[in-house]
Amino acid sequence: MSKKDEPPKEKKKKPIPPMINFLLGGLSGMAATCVVHPMDVIKNRIQMHKGKASIMDMIGNIYSKESIATFYTGLTAGLVRQATYTTVRLGIYNQLQDYWRQRHVGPPNFVTLALMAGTAGATGAFVGTPADVALVRMTTDGRLPVDQRRNYKNVFDAFIRIVKEEGLFTLWRGSMATIGRAVVVNVSQLATYSQVKYLIASQLNVKEGIALHFYASMISGFFTTFNSMPFDVTKTRIQNMKITGKPPGMIAVMLSIGKNEGLGALWKGFWPTYCRIGPHTVLTLIVNEQLMRFYRMYQD
């Protein structure tokens, strides 16, 4: 290996302070959400739709029956979700990586990365579940008959009304499915991203930069979508239920979907989900890498 290749790898310097790591993680997720939110609306609508529906069918249906503004319904919930979930998951993941670098030579292996990512994802998901419940309800509200719509004004109105009308713990409805999804998403997304990025850089000699981040993000986004879809469909169904009392468990809902609608229904909305997760992964991780790079530049 030439000396020219060494400096970027040895540019570890001081670890980024925890508060900055968390702040940069949240800002990255919020920036990405502003771009891909319409796909979240389409994905949630398809997952709630009984029967087949393509991306174009759903776009046409929303546009003709509602309005173009509907594609940004629930954006406040999406931003609050990123401000909680992504802030925590990326902050913890980056902190764990910094901790590793300070005590070991060379990158962590995939199992270690997976443990870091799973821990970060589960913690972030628990913190972000209330915003996730509001997001699912707000993005799917327009598909209901007018007299059945919840008509939340914004994410904070959703929080207040959910607690008042259904109880505090409803904000964590579907939390097991959300946490299960988050562990799968983060192991698939963050650990795969780090591993693929390392392999592309070392095997294909691609230098550190946006191109490397883009390739690694798109590959990890595909694995993330495929692995997380059953959990994603399940949590969407549970969080949108209008019931009193205890909701059905994650496994029960997952089995019910598979039995009544076919196994493929657990991957319903795969392409809009990838069209959301792929770009969201790319934008979140690229923005996060760039923000950390700028911070380190000014730190020096």
Protein backbone atom coordinates (compact mmCIF):
# COMPACT_ATOMS: atom_id res chain seq x y z
CA MET A 1 0.00 0.00 0.00
CA SER A 2 1.42 3.41 -0.97
CA LYS A 3 1.79 6.24 1.51
CA LYS A 4 -0.75 8.22 -0.48
CA ASP A 5 -3.45 5.76 0.54
CA GLU A 6 -2.46 5.79 4.23
CA PRO A 7 -3.31 9.37 5.37
CA PRO A 8 -7.07 9.13 4.74
CA LYS A 9 -7.21 5.89 6.79
CA GLU A 10 -5.02 7.33 9.55
CA LYS A 11 -7.06 10.51 9.69
CA LYS A 12 -8.80 9.17 12.78
CA LYS A 13 -7.62 11.91 15.12
CA LYS A 14 -9.92 12.63 18.04
CA PRO A 15 -13.34 10.98 18.22
CA ILE A 16 -16.31 13.24 17.56
CA PRO A 17 -17.98 14.30 20.85
CA PRO A 18 -21.17 12.33 21.66
CA MET A 19 -23.53 15.33 21.44
CA ILE A 20 -22.15 16.28 18.01
CA ASN A 21 -22.43 12.66 16.82
CA PHE A 22 -26.11 12.60 17.83
CA LEU A 23 -26.82 16.04 16.34
CA LEU A 24 -25.21 15.18 12.99
CA GLY A 25 -27.11 11.88 12.86
CA GLY A 26 -30.47 13.61 13.37
CA LEU A 27 -29.75 16.37 10.85
CA SER A 28 -28.73 13.76 8.24
CA GLY A 29 -31.97 11.81 8.63
CA MET A 30 -34.13 14.95 8.56
CA ALA A 31 -32.46 16.23 5.39
CA ALA A 32 -33.03 12.88 3.65
CA THR A 33 -36.68 12.73 4.79
CA CYS A 34 -37.49 16.07 3.15
CA VAL A 35 -36.55 14.48 -0.19
CA VAL A 36 -38.04 10.98 0.10
CA HIS A 37 -41.19 11.61 2.18
CA PRO A 38 -43.59 11.15 -0.79
CA MET A 39 -42.36 7.55 -1.10
CA ASP A 40 -43.20 7.02 2.57
CA VAL A 41 -46.78 8.10 1.85
CA ILE A 42 -47.01 5.77 -1.18
CA LYS A 43 -45.37 2.85 0.68
CA ASN A 44 -47.75 3.11 3.65
CA ARG A 45 -50.80 3.41 1.38
CA ILE A 46 -49.79 0.29 -0.59
CA GLN A 47 -49.12 -1.68 2.61
CA MET A 48 -52.61 -0.83 3.90
CA HIS A 49 -54.25 -1.56 0.54
CA LYS A 50 -56.00 -4.94 0.32
CA GLY A 51 -55.14 -6.29 -3.11
CA LYS A 52 -52.52 -5.35 -5.67
CA ALA A 53 -51.45 -1.79 -6.37
CA SER A 54 -48.41 -0.51 -8.24
CA ILE A 55 -46.48 2.66 -7.48
CA MET A 56 -48.00 4.39 -10.51
CA ASP A 57 -51.53 3.24 -9.59
CA MET A 58 -51.15 4.68 -6.09
CA ILE A 59 -49.61 7.95 -7.34
CA GLY A 60 -52.48 8.39 -9.82
CA ASN A 61 -55.08 7.53 -7.19
CA ILE A 62 -53.69 9.99 -4.64
CA TYR A 63 -53.28 12.76 -7.22
CA SER A 64 -56.77 12.36 -8.73
CA LYS A 65 -58.76 11.85 -5.51
CA GLU A 66 -56.81 14.11 -3.16
CA SER A 67 -54.11 16.58 -4.17
CA ILE A 68 -50.38 16.87 -4.84
CA ALA A 69 -49.95 18.22 -1.28
CA THR A 70 -51.02 14.78 0.00
CA PHE A 71 -47.57 13.45 -0.92
CA TYR A 72 -46.19 15.53 1.96
CA THR A 73 -48.94 14.63 4.45
CA GLY A 74 -47.33 13.71 7.76
CA LEU A 75 -44.01 15.42 7.00
CA THR A 76 -43.91 16.87 10.53
CA ALA A 77 -44.20 13.32 11.91
CA GLY A 78 -41.48 12.16 9.52
CA LEU A 79 -39.14 14.92 10.70
CA VAL A 80 -39.86 14.27 14.39
CA ARG A 81 -39.28 10.56 13.76
CA GLN A 82 -35.87 11.33 12.26
CA ALA A 83 -35.09 13.80 15.04
CA THR A 84 -35.67 10.98 17.55
CA TYR A 85 -35.02 7.64 15.84
CA THR A 86 -32.15 8.60 13.51
CA THR A 87 -30.54 10.93 16.04
CA VAL A 88 -30.33 8.07 18.54
CA ARG A 89 -29.46 5.21 16.16
CA LEU A 90 -26.74 7.01 14.16
CA GLY A 91 -25.43 8.76 17.27
CA ILE A 92 -25.04 5.47 19.17
CA TYR A 93 -23.64 3.65 16.11
CA ASN A 94 -21.03 6.34 15.44
CA GLN A 95 -20.13 6.47 19.12
CA LEU A 96 -19.61 2.70 19.24
CA GLN A 97 -17.40 2.88 16.14
CA ASP A 98 -15.35 5.69 17.68
CA TYR A 99 -15.02 3.61 20.85
CA TRP A 100 -13.75 0.67 18.78
CA ARG A 101 -11.21 2.77 16.84
CA GLN A 102 -9.71 4.09 20.05
CA ARG A 103 -9.05 0.57 21.35
CA HIS A 104 -8.38 -1.61 18.31
CA VAL A 105 -6.27 -1.63 15.16
CA GLY A 106 -8.22 -2.15 11.93
CA PRO A 107 -11.97 -2.15 11.26
CA PRO A 108 -14.41 -4.26 13.33
CA ASN A 109 -15.59 -7.54 11.78
CA PHE A 110 -19.14 -7.97 10.48
CA VAL A 111 -20.45 -9.63 13.67
CA THR A 112 -19.20 -6.70 15.76
CA LEU A 113 -20.69 -4.21 13.30
CA ALA A 114 -23.99 -6.11 13.42
CA LEU A 115 -24.06 -5.97 17.23
CA MET A 116 -23.32 -2.24 17.17
CA ALA A 117 -26.01 -1.62 14.54
CA GLY A 118 -28.62 -3.81 16.25
CA THR A 119 -28.09 -2.10 19.61
CA ALA A 120 -28.30 1.35 18.01
CA GLY A 121 -31.41 0.41 16.01
CA ALA A 122 -33.36 -1.11 18.89
CA THR A 123 -32.69 1.89 21.14
CA GLY A 124 -33.54 4.39 18.40
CA ALA A 125 -36.73 2.53 17.48
CA PHE A 126 -38.06 2.60 21.04
CA VAL A 127 -37.45 6.36 21.27
CA GLY A 128 -38.92 6.98 17.81
CA THR A 129 -42.03 4.76 17.98
CA PRO A 130 -44.48 7.56 18.98
CA ALA A 131 -43.51 9.60 15.91
CA ASP A 132 -43.70 6.43 13.81
CA VAL A 133 -47.28 5.76 14.96
CA ALA A 134 -48.23 9.35 14.07
CA LEU A 135 -46.45 9.08 10.70
CA VAL A 136 -48.26 5.88 9.68
CA ARG A 137 -51.66 7.28 10.68
CA MET A 138 -51.16 10.66 9.02
CA THR A 139 -49.87 9.23 5.73
CA THR A 140 -52.69 6.66 5.44
CA ASP A 141 -55.56 8.88 6.66
CA GLY A 142 -56.58 10.02 3.17
CA ARG A 143 -57.48 6.49 2.07
CA LEU A 144 -60.29 6.30 4.65
CA PRO A 145 -63.86 7.55 4.12
CA VAL A 146 -64.18 11.20 5.17
CA ASP A 147 -66.20 10.38 8.32
CA GLN A 148 -63.56 7.88 9.52
CA ARG A 149 -60.48 10.06 9.08
CA ARG A 150 -58.52 11.16 12.12
CA ASN A 151 -57.50 14.49 10.54
CA TYR A 152 -54.50 15.16 12.76
CA LYS A 153 -53.30 18.74 12.16
CA ASN A 154 -49.65 17.93 12.78
CA VAL A 155 -47.50 15.47 14.72
CA PHE A 156 -48.01 17.26 18.04
CA ASP A 157 -51.79 17.31 17.59
CA ALA A 158 -51.52 13.58 16.84
CA PHE A 159 -49.60 12.94 20.08
CA ILE A 160 -52.12 14.90 22.18
CA ARG A 161 -55.18 13.25 20.63
CA ILE A 162 -53.74 9.73 20.75
CA VAL A 163 -52.97 10.08 24.47
CA LYS A 164 -56.36 11.69 25.17
CA GLU A 165 -58.49 9.31 23.07
CA GLU A 166 -56.57 6.02 23.28
CA GLY A 167 -54.13 6.28 26.19
CA LEU A 168 -50.43 6.99 26.57
CA PHE A 169 -49.24 3.49 25.69
CA THR A 170 -50.88 3.69 22.26
CA LEU A 171 -47.91 5.88 21.30
CA TRP A 172 -45.80 2.72 21.58
CA ARG A 173 -48.29 0.49 19.70
CA GLY A 174 -46.41 -1.92 17.47
CA SER A 175 -43.17 -1.20 19.30
CA MET A 176 -42.03 -4.84 19.14
CA ALA A 177 -42.51 -4.91 15.36
CA THR A 178 -40.86 -1.48 15.12
CA ILE A 179 -37.89 -2.61 17.21
CA GLY A 180 -37.65 -5.89 15.27
CA ARG A 181 -37.70 -3.94 12.00
CA ALA A 182 -35.14 -1.45 13.31
CA VAL A 183 -32.69 -4.19 14.34
CA VAL A 184 -33.01 -5.79 10.89
CA VAL A 185 -32.81 -2.39 9.14
CA ASN A 186 -29.77 -1.24 11.07
CA VAL A 187 -27.86 -4.52 10.79
CA SER A 188 -28.68 -4.58 7.07
CA GLN A 189 -28.13 -0.87 6.50
CA LEU A 190 -25.34 0.30 8.79
CA ALA A 191 -23.32 -2.91 9.17
CA THR A 192 -23.68 -3.84 5.48
CA TYR A 193 -22.86 -0.25 4.49
CA SER A 194 -19.65 -0.24 6.55
CA GLN A 195 -18.63 -3.70 5.30
CA VAL A 196 -19.48 -3.02 1.61
CA LYS A 197 -17.77 0.35 1.77
CA TYR A 198 -14.61 -1.29 3.12
CA LEU A 199 -14.71 -4.06 0.48
CA ILE A 200 -15.28 -1.65 -2.42
CA ALA A 201 -12.50 0.64 -1.20
CA SER A 202 -9.99 -2.19 -0.64
CA GLN A 203 -10.88 -4.58 -3.49
CA LEU A 204 -11.88 -2.13 -6.23
CA ASN A 205 -9.53 0.63 -5.08
CA VAL A 206 -12.32 3.24 -4.97
CA LYS A 207 -11.15 6.26 -3.00
CA GLU A 208 -13.01 7.77 -0.05
CA GLY A 209 -15.65 10.19 -1.33
CA ILE A 210 -19.26 10.61 -2.44
CA ALA A 211 -18.99 7.94 -5.19
CA LEU A 212 -17.87 5.31 -2.66
CA HIS A 213 -20.62 6.35 -0.23
CA PHE A 214 -23.23 6.17 -3.03
CA TYR A 215 -22.30 2.63 -4.19
CA ALA A 216 -22.17 1.30 -0.63
CA SER A 217 -25.49 2.99 0.26
CA MET A 218 -27.41 1.60 -2.73
CA ILE A 219 -26.22 -1.95 -2.09
CA SER A 220 -26.99 -1.78 1.63
CA GLY A 221 -30.37 -0.18 0.82
CA PHE A 222 -31.42 -3.20 -1.26
CA PHE A 223 -30.54 -5.70 1.50
CA THR A 224 -32.20 -3.44 4.06
CA THR A 225 -35.47 -3.30 2.10
CA PHE A 226 -35.68 -7.04 1.47
CA ASN A 227 -34.82 -8.05 5.03
CA SER A 228 -37.07 -5.53 6.78
CA MET A 229 -40.25 -5.68 4.67
CA PRO A 230 -42.18 -8.32 6.72
CA PHE A 231 -41.61 -6.27 9.88
CA ASP A 232 -42.45 -3.01 8.08
CA VAL A 233 -45.77 -4.30 6.70
CA THR A 234 -46.67 -5.77 10.11
CA LYS A 235 -45.91 -2.61 12.08
CA THR A 236 -47.85 -0.47 9.58
CA ARG A 237 -50.94 -2.67 10.00
CA ILE A 238 -50.70 -2.72 13.83
CA GLN A 239 -50.10 1.02 14.20
CA ASN A 240 -53.03 1.89 11.96
CA MET A 241 -55.56 -0.34 13.76
CA LYS A 242 -58.65 1.25 15.33
CA ILE A 243 -59.11 -0.96 18.37
CA THR A 244 -59.64 -0.66 22.10
CA GLY A 245 -57.59 -2.75 24.45
CA LYS A 246 -54.46 -4.68 23.70
CA PRO A 247 -53.54 -4.95 19.99
CA PRO A 248 -52.55 -8.34 18.50
CA GLY A 249 -48.89 -9.29 18.71
CA MET A 250 -46.33 -8.95 15.94
CA ILE A 251 -46.08 -12.70 15.16
CA ALA A 252 -49.89 -13.11 15.15
CA VAL A 253 -50.34 -10.25 12.65
CA MET A 254 -47.46 -11.47 10.50
CA LEU A 255 -48.92 -15.00 10.35
CA SER A 256 -52.40 -13.63 9.64
CA ILE A 257 -51.12 -11.56 6.70
CA GLY A 258 -49.25 -14.56 5.28
CA LYS A 259 -52.26 -16.87 5.71
CA ASN A 260 -55.01 -14.55 4.42
CA GLU A 261 -53.14 -12.60 1.74
CA GLY A 262 -50.28 -14.89 0.79
CA LEU A 263 -46.61 -14.87 1.76
CA GLY A 264 -45.85 -12.26 -0.88
CA ALA A 265 -48.03 -9.75 0.99
CA LEU A 266 -45.25 -9.47 3.59
CA TRP A 267 -43.17 -7.86 0.85
CA LYS A 268 -46.04 -5.66 -0.37
CA GLY A 269 -44.74 -2.27 -1.45
CA PHE A 270 -41.18 -3.57 -1.97
CA TRP A 271 -40.26 -1.17 -4.78
CA PRO A 272 -41.69 2.01 -3.23
CA THR A 273 -39.97 0.97 -0.01
CA TYR A 274 -36.66 0.55 -1.85
CA CYS A 275 -37.31 3.83 -3.69
CA ARG A 276 -37.60 5.34 -0.21
CA ILE A 277 -34.97 3.36 1.69
CA GLY A 278 -32.40 3.39 -1.15
CA PRO A 279 -32.29 7.19 -1.61
CA HIS A 280 -32.87 7.75 2.13
CA THR A 281 -29.91 5.49 2.93
CA VAL A 282 -27.78 7.24 0.30
CA LEU A 283 -28.73 10.73 1.44
CA THR A 284 -28.59 10.03 5.20
CA LEU A 285 -25.20 8.30 5.12
CA ILE A 286 -23.64 10.66 2.56
CA VAL A 287 -24.87 13.75 4.44
CA ASN A 288 -23.71 12.19 7.72
CA GLU A 289 -20.25 11.40 6.31
CA GLN A 290 -19.93 14.91 4.86
CA LEU A 291 -21.09 16.60 8.08
CA MET A 292 -18.56 14.55 10.08
CA ARG A 293 -15.84 15.44 7.57
CA PHE A 294 -16.66 19.16 7.82
CA TYR A 295 -16.73 18.94 11.61
CA ARG A 296 -13.30 17.31 11.67
CA MET A 297 -11.95 19.97 9.29
CA TYR A 298 -13.09 22.76 11.62
CA GLN A 299 -12.09 20.77 14.70
CA ASP A 300 -8.48 20.94 13.49
